[in-house]
Protein backbone atom coordinates (compact mmCIF):
# COMPACT_ATOMS: atom_id res chain seq x y z
CA HIS A 1 -8.65 -3.12 18.14
CA LEU A 2 -6.44 -0.53 18.67
CA ASN A 3 -4.97 -1.37 21.84
CA ARG A 4 -3.37 -4.09 19.67
CA PRO A 5 0.41 -2.15 17.93
CA ASP A 6 0.34 -3.26 15.28
CA ASN A 7 -3.41 -3.60 14.99
CA ALA A 8 -3.53 0.03 15.65
CA ASN A 9 -0.44 0.50 13.02
CA ARG A 10 -2.62 -0.48 10.88
CA ILE A 11 -5.25 1.16 10.49
CA ARG A 12 -3.77 4.46 11.25
CA THR A 13 -1.61 3.09 7.50
CA LEU A 14 -4.84 2.52 6.05
CA LEU A 15 -6.41 6.09 7.30
CA LEU A 16 -3.45 8.19 6.11
CA ALA A 17 -3.41 6.18 2.79
CA GLY A 18 -6.99 7.11 2.08
CA LEU A 19 -5.69 10.29 2.53
CA ARG A 20 -3.00 10.49 0.26
CA SER A 21 -5.36 9.12 -2.15
CA ALA A 22 -8.15 11.86 -1.96
CA VAL A 23 -5.33 14.48 -1.20
CA LEU A 24 -4.17 13.23 -4.83
CA TRP A 25 -7.01 12.53 -6.26
CA ARG A 26 -8.39 16.05 -6.22
CA GLN A 27 -4.94 17.47 -7.63
CA LYS A 28 -5.21 14.99 -10.95
CA GLY A 29 -9.22 17.05 -11.21
CA GLY A 30 -11.48 13.95 -9.71
CA GLY A 31 -14.09 14.91 -8.33
CA ARG A 32 -16.87 13.21 -6.54
CA LEU A 33 -19.08 13.57 -9.48
CA THR A 34 -15.74 11.93 -11.31
CA LEU A 35 -16.09 9.12 -8.92
CA LEU A 36 -20.17 8.44 -9.75
CA LEU A 37 -20.31 8.81 -13.44
CA ARG A 38 -17.44 6.93 -14.10
CA ARG A 39 -16.98 4.46 -11.02
CA LYS A 40 -17.40 0.80 -13.75
CA ALA A 41 -14.59 2.69 -16.04
CA LEU A 42 -12.80 3.24 -12.86
CA LEU A 43 -13.64 -0.07 -11.64
CA ALA A 44 -13.15 -1.67 -15.35
CA GLN A 45 -9.18 -0.15 -15.26
CA ALA A 46 -8.13 -0.82 -12.07
CA GLN A 47 -8.58 -4.36 -12.11
CA ALA A 48 -6.86 -4.26 -14.98
CA MET A 49 -3.52 -2.86 -13.24
CA LEU A 50 -3.82 -5.24 -10.19
CA ASP A 51 -4.05 -8.27 -13.18
CA SER A 52 -0.79 -6.80 -14.84
CA LEU A 53 0.89 -7.26 -10.88
CA PRO A 54 3.72 -10.29 -11.13
CA GLN A 55 1.43 -12.71 -8.84
CA THR A 56 3.81 -12.75 -5.55
CA PRO A 57 3.18 -15.10 -2.53
CA SER A 58 1.41 -14.73 0.64
CA PRO A 59 3.38 -13.76 3.69
CA GLU A 60 1.48 -17.53 5.01
CA THR A 61 2.83 -19.01 1.90
CA LEU A 62 6.38 -18.50 2.91
CA GLU A 63 7.96 -21.11 5.08
CA PRO A 64 10.18 -19.64 7.12
CA HIS A 65 13.73 -19.19 7.20
CA SER A 66 16.29 -21.40 8.76
CA ASP A 67 19.57 -20.22 9.72
CA ALA A 68 21.97 -22.86 10.17
């Protein structure tokens, strides 16, 4: 899978995003115990944030642009 540049780029991006999230979590005072004890509350808050985002069509459902 890593031989394909698009997959390698996607994996690299996800790994860096995970590292950045972990650093920000720790900088804001988060820890493993907080994550374990408040998991349901954190999931509920994350879901509420996702639900509040405006719905946008996925790239697969968009029609290609015609320059003609």
